[in-house]
Amino acid sequence: MLSNRRYRVFLLALRLSIAAHLLGLATTATILAPGLDLAARSPVRSGYVAEHATLWRLGWLPWHATALLDLAVSLALALLLASRAGRRGLVWAWFGAGFTLLAVLADLWGQGMMATTLVEAAAKAAPGSQSAQVDFMAVESRALFWTGTLSTWLYVGMLGCWTLAGARAAGGLGRRKGLVAAGVVTGALFVALADVNLVAVALGSVDLGYPYYDLLRGLCVAAFALLLPFMAWLGRVLAPGPVEDQEDAPAAA
């Protein structure tokens, strides 16, 4: 059946996206960590980026893939629901695809700045000139806004649409209260992350770095810790056949 084939495509995109997220989180915690230590002074971050430019660029590759795979998930979800009787949740799925497209464009723009313009600014700032450090932070702040605030707000819209589309397609909002609650809590954490990032970027300085770094890191860990199981849960509840009639409970996709 067309629906079953499209579900397999959706599940593949979902699993690849989860894997890319995990790889991205791994590179963030290792390769990218010194350059993303927002509590550190600007010369520390710019020095790391300048000295490890190739490694820094490689560290962003999983996040490039994650953005594109999120778009693949959104399109696969819309095509899946379009192939099912009643097409429940289809409108929300297409809204989700729209949010995802906008989020990916903003995210990739910010990531591109991180991997190119920021590296150039870091090379100029490495000698320690105060004005060069200010220029480095100006580029860094713009990139952090694009990828940490604007794209995150748009991804929250995507997440909300995924939640509504999945719940409606899998029995209705009343039956899928657990999935809806998980989507709401996860979205709230990402909104908080985007808002705190916005404030931190506005208050950053060369000598003091960016404030609220520990809060940002905690929100990031909590948000992604809920997002990935939520994605697996979404894949489970949308499974064709008897699985659609099972109780609302999370399971690995």
Protein backbone atom coordinates (compact mmCIF):
# COMPACT_ATOMS: atom_id res chain seq x y z
CA MET A 1 0.00 0.00 0.00
CA LEU A 2 1.05 3.58 -0.70
CA SER A 3 0.47 4.51 2.95
CA ASN A 4 2.77 1.75 4.19
CA ARG A 5 5.53 2.75 1.77
CA ARG A 6 5.26 6.36 2.82
CA TYR A 7 5.35 5.36 6.47
CA ARG A 8 8.62 3.54 5.87
CA VAL A 9 10.03 6.65 4.21
CA PHE A 10 8.80 8.79 7.11
CA LEU A 11 10.32 6.41 9.65
CA LEU A 12 13.64 6.38 7.81
CA ALA A 13 13.77 10.18 7.75
CA LEU A 14 12.84 10.26 11.44
CA ARG A 15 15.54 7.80 12.42
CA LEU A 16 18.18 9.57 10.35
CA SER A 17 17.20 12.87 11.95
CA ILE A 18 17.48 11.39 15.44
CA ALA A 19 20.90 9.97 14.56
CA ALA A 20 22.05 13.33 13.16
CA HIS A 21 20.83 15.09 16.32
CA LEU A 22 22.82 12.68 18.47
CA LEU A 23 25.94 13.19 16.36
CA GLY A 24 25.47 16.95 16.48
CA LEU A 25 25.12 16.89 20.25
CA ALA A 26 28.29 14.80 20.42
CA THR A 27 30.29 17.27 18.33
CA THR A 28 28.86 20.17 20.35
CA ALA A 29 30.09 18.55 23.55
CA THR A 30 33.56 17.84 22.11
CA ILE A 31 34.83 19.51 18.92
CA LEU A 32 32.72 22.66 19.18
CA ALA A 33 32.68 23.00 22.97
CA PRO A 34 35.69 25.33 23.44
CA GLY A 35 34.43 27.68 20.73
CA LEU A 36 30.89 27.63 22.15
CA ASP A 37 31.90 28.21 25.76
CA LEU A 38 29.95 31.43 25.95
CA ALA A 39 31.04 32.07 29.54
CA ALA A 40 34.67 32.38 28.41
CA ARG A 41 36.31 35.62 27.34
CA SER A 42 36.15 36.37 23.65
CA PRO A 43 39.90 35.83 23.04
CA VAL A 44 39.59 32.28 24.34
CA ARG A 45 36.81 31.40 21.89
CA SER A 46 38.33 33.23 18.92
CA GLY A 47 41.72 31.66 19.60
CA TYR A 48 40.24 28.16 19.54
CA VAL A 49 38.28 28.79 16.35
CA ALA A 50 41.32 30.28 14.61
CA GLU A 51 43.66 27.48 15.65
CA HIS A 52 41.22 24.66 14.84
CA ALA A 53 39.40 26.10 11.82
CA THR A 54 39.06 22.82 9.92
CA LEU A 55 37.92 20.89 12.98
CA TRP A 56 35.49 23.69 13.81
CA ARG A 57 33.94 23.53 10.34
CA LEU A 58 33.66 19.73 10.51
CA GLY A 59 31.90 20.01 13.84
CA TRP A 60 29.03 21.88 12.22
CA LEU A 61 28.40 19.27 9.52
CA PRO A 62 26.06 17.11 11.66
CA TRP A 63 23.94 20.19 12.40
CA HIS A 64 23.76 21.00 8.67
CA ALA A 65 22.47 17.45 8.14
CA THR A 66 20.06 17.73 11.07
CA ALA A 67 18.40 20.82 9.62
CA LEU A 68 17.92 19.20 6.21
CA LEU A 69 16.68 15.96 7.75
CA ASP A 70 14.10 17.84 9.83
CA LEU A 71 12.75 19.21 6.57
CA ALA A 72 12.70 15.68 5.15
CA VAL A 73 10.74 14.49 8.20
CA SER A 74 8.19 17.28 7.79
CA LEU A 75 7.66 16.58 4.10
CA ALA A 76 7.50 12.83 4.68
CA LEU A 77 4.92 13.37 7.43
CA ALA A 78 2.72 15.47 5.14
CA LEU A 79 2.95 12.93 2.32
CA LEU A 80 2.19 10.10 4.74
CA LEU A 81 -0.97 11.73 6.08
CA ALA A 82 -2.05 12.68 2.55
CA SER A 83 -2.07 8.99 1.66
CA ARG A 84 -4.30 7.94 4.56
CA ALA A 85 -8.06 7.76 4.65
CA GLY A 86 -9.58 10.92 6.09
CA ARG A 87 -6.27 12.76 5.87
CA ARG A 88 -6.53 13.65 9.56
CA GLY A 89 -3.82 16.06 10.63
CA LEU A 90 -2.73 16.83 7.07
CA VAL A 91 -3.28 20.60 7.34
CA TRP A 92 -1.09 20.75 10.45
CA ALA A 93 1.54 18.63 8.73
CA TRP A 94 1.78 21.10 5.85
CA PHE A 95 1.92 24.02 8.28
CA GLY A 96 4.76 22.13 9.98
CA ALA A 97 6.58 21.79 6.66
CA GLY A 98 6.29 25.56 6.18
CA PHE A 99 7.67 26.29 9.63
CA THR A 100 10.45 23.79 9.04
CA LEU A 101 11.49 25.37 5.75
CA LEU A 102 11.75 28.80 7.39
CA ALA A 103 13.59 27.34 10.38
CA VAL A 104 16.07 25.49 8.19
CA LEU A 105 16.82 28.62 6.15
CA ALA A 106 17.47 30.64 9.32
CA ASP A 107 19.43 27.82 10.94
CA LEU A 108 21.66 27.14 7.96
CA TRP A 109 22.33 30.85 7.54
CA GLY A 110 23.51 31.05 11.16
CA GLN A 111 25.50 27.84 10.89
CA GLY A 112 27.06 29.09 7.67
CA MET A 113 28.19 32.23 9.48
CA MET A 114 29.67 30.07 12.22
CA ALA A 115 31.61 27.96 9.71
CA THR A 116 32.82 30.76 7.44
CA THR A 117 32.56 34.41 8.51
CA LEU A 118 33.27 33.64 12.15
CA VAL A 119 36.42 31.71 11.23
CA GLU A 120 37.67 34.71 9.23
CA ALA A 121 36.90 37.06 12.11
CA ALA A 122 38.64 34.70 14.54
CA ALA A 123 41.79 34.70 12.41
CA LYS A 124 41.90 38.49 12.56
CA ALA A 125 41.09 38.55 16.28
CA ALA A 126 43.68 35.96 17.28
CA PRO A 127 46.52 38.47 17.82
CA GLY A 128 44.46 40.07 20.59
CA SER A 129 43.40 43.44 19.23
CA GLN A 130 40.43 44.78 21.22
CA SER A 131 38.71 46.13 18.12
CA ALA A 132 39.23 42.78 16.34
CA GLN A 133 37.66 40.99 19.32
CA VAL A 134 34.69 43.33 19.15
CA ASP A 135 34.32 42.49 15.45
CA PHE A 136 34.55 38.78 16.26
CA MET A 137 31.78 39.08 18.83
CA ALA A 138 29.63 41.07 16.43
CA VAL A 139 29.74 38.20 13.92
CA GLU A 140 29.31 35.64 16.68
CA SER A 141 26.28 37.44 18.12
CA ARG A 142 24.55 37.57 14.74
CA ALA A 143 25.22 33.88 14.15
CA LEU A 144 23.94 32.99 17.62
CA PHE A 145 20.76 34.96 16.97
CA TRP A 146 20.07 33.22 13.65
CA THR A 147 20.80 29.69 14.82
CA GLY A 148 20.02 29.98 18.54
CA THR A 149 17.00 32.25 18.68
CA LEU A 150 15.22 32.86 15.36
CA SER A 151 15.53 29.33 14.01
CA THR A 152 14.63 27.88 17.41
CA TRP A 153 11.41 29.87 17.54
CA LEU A 154 10.55 28.55 14.08
CA TYR A 155 11.47 24.98 15.06
CA VAL A 156 9.03 25.31 17.96
CA GLY A 157 6.33 26.07 15.41
CA MET A 158 7.40 22.94 13.54
CA LEU A 159 7.26 20.90 16.75
CA GLY A 160 3.79 22.18 17.57
CA CYS A 161 2.53 21.25 14.13
CA TRP A 162 4.14 17.80 14.34
CA THR A 163 2.38 17.31 17.66
CA LEU A 164 -1.05 18.34 16.39
CA ALA A 165 -0.68 16.44 13.12
CA GLY A 166 0.49 13.27 14.85
CA ALA A 167 -2.15 13.38 17.56
CA ARG A 168 -5.02 14.04 15.14
CA ALA A 169 -3.84 11.33 12.76
CA ALA A 170 -3.44 8.80 15.58
CA GLY A 171 -6.84 9.00 17.22
CA GLY A 172 -7.33 12.62 18.21
CA LEU A 173 -6.00 15.05 20.79
CA GLY A 174 -8.04 13.52 23.59
CA ARG A 175 -6.66 10.05 23.02
CA ARG A 176 -3.07 11.17 22.54
CA LYS A 177 -2.79 13.40 25.60
CA GLY A 178 0.64 12.02 26.46
CA LEU A 179 2.07 12.90 23.07
CA VAL A 180 0.50 16.36 23.21
CA ALA A 181 1.83 16.99 26.72
CA ALA A 182 5.32 15.88 25.68
CA GLY A 183 5.21 18.21 22.67
CA VAL A 184 4.04 21.16 24.78
CA VAL A 185 6.72 20.68 27.46
CA THR A 186 9.47 20.18 24.88
CA GLY A 187 8.34 23.24 22.96
CA ALA A 188 8.26 25.33 26.13
CA LEU A 189 11.86 24.38 26.90
CA PHE A 190 12.98 25.39 23.42
CA VAL A 191 11.12 28.71 23.69
CA ALA A 192 12.89 29.37 26.98
CA LEU A 193 16.21 28.44 25.36
CA ALA A 194 15.62 30.84 22.46
CA ASP A 195 14.54 33.68 24.75
CA VAL A 196 17.48 33.31 27.15
CA ASN A 197 19.84 33.14 24.16
CA LEU A 198 18.36 36.39 22.85
CA VAL A 199 19.02 38.15 26.15
CA ALA A 200 22.49 36.64 26.51
CA VAL A 201 23.50 37.75 23.02
CA ALA A 202 22.35 41.30 23.76
CA LEU A 203 24.39 41.46 27.00
CA GLY A 204 27.63 39.79 25.85
CA SER A 205 30.99 41.51 26.20
CA VAL A 206 34.58 40.79 25.16
CA ASP A 207 35.91 40.50 28.71
CA LEU A 208 32.94 38.78 30.39
CA GLY A 209 31.56 36.61 27.59
CA TYR A 210 27.81 35.99 27.53
CA PRO A 211 25.69 35.77 30.69
CA TYR A 212 23.39 32.87 31.62
CA TYR A 213 25.65 30.26 30.00
CA ASP A 214 24.87 27.60 32.62
CA LEU A 215 21.15 28.23 32.20
CA LEU A 216 21.48 28.01 28.41
CA ARG A 217 23.39 24.75 28.67
CA GLY A 218 20.85 23.27 31.09
CA LEU A 219 17.90 24.25 28.90
CA CYS A 220 19.64 22.81 25.84
CA VAL A 221 20.28 19.47 27.55
CA ALA A 222 16.72 19.24 28.87
CA ALA A 223 15.10 20.26 25.57
CA PHE A 224 17.01 17.76 23.44
CA ALA A 225 16.61 15.05 26.09
CA LEU A 226 12.85 15.34 25.55
CA LEU A 227 12.89 16.04 21.80
CA LEU A 228 14.52 12.81 20.68
CA PRO A 229 12.17 10.46 22.61
CA PHE A 230 9.26 12.60 21.39
CA MET A 231 10.35 12.02 17.79
CA ALA A 232 10.57 8.28 18.41
CA TRP A 233 7.12 8.37 20.02
CA LEU A 234 5.69 10.22 17.02
CA GLY A 235 7.00 7.51 14.72
CA ARG A 236 5.41 4.85 16.91
CA VAL A 237 1.91 6.33 17.10
CA LEU A 238 1.78 6.86 13.34
CA ALA A 239 2.64 3.25 12.54
CA PRO A 240 0.05 1.69 10.18
CA GLY A 241 -2.22 -1.20 11.05
CA PRO A 242 -2.95 -2.48 14.54
CA VAL A 243 -0.28 -0.25 16.11
CA GLU A 244 -2.55 2.74 15.47
CA ASP A 245 -5.07 1.23 17.90
CA GLN A 246 -2.64 0.62 20.73
CA GLU A 247 -2.62 2.61 23.96
CA ASP A 248 -0.84 5.95 23.98
CA ALA A 249 2.60 5.01 25.26
CA PRO A 250 6.12 5.92 24.13
CA ALA A 251 8.36 3.39 22.43
CA ALA A 252 11.46 3.48 20.26
CA ALA A 253 10.75 4.17 16.61
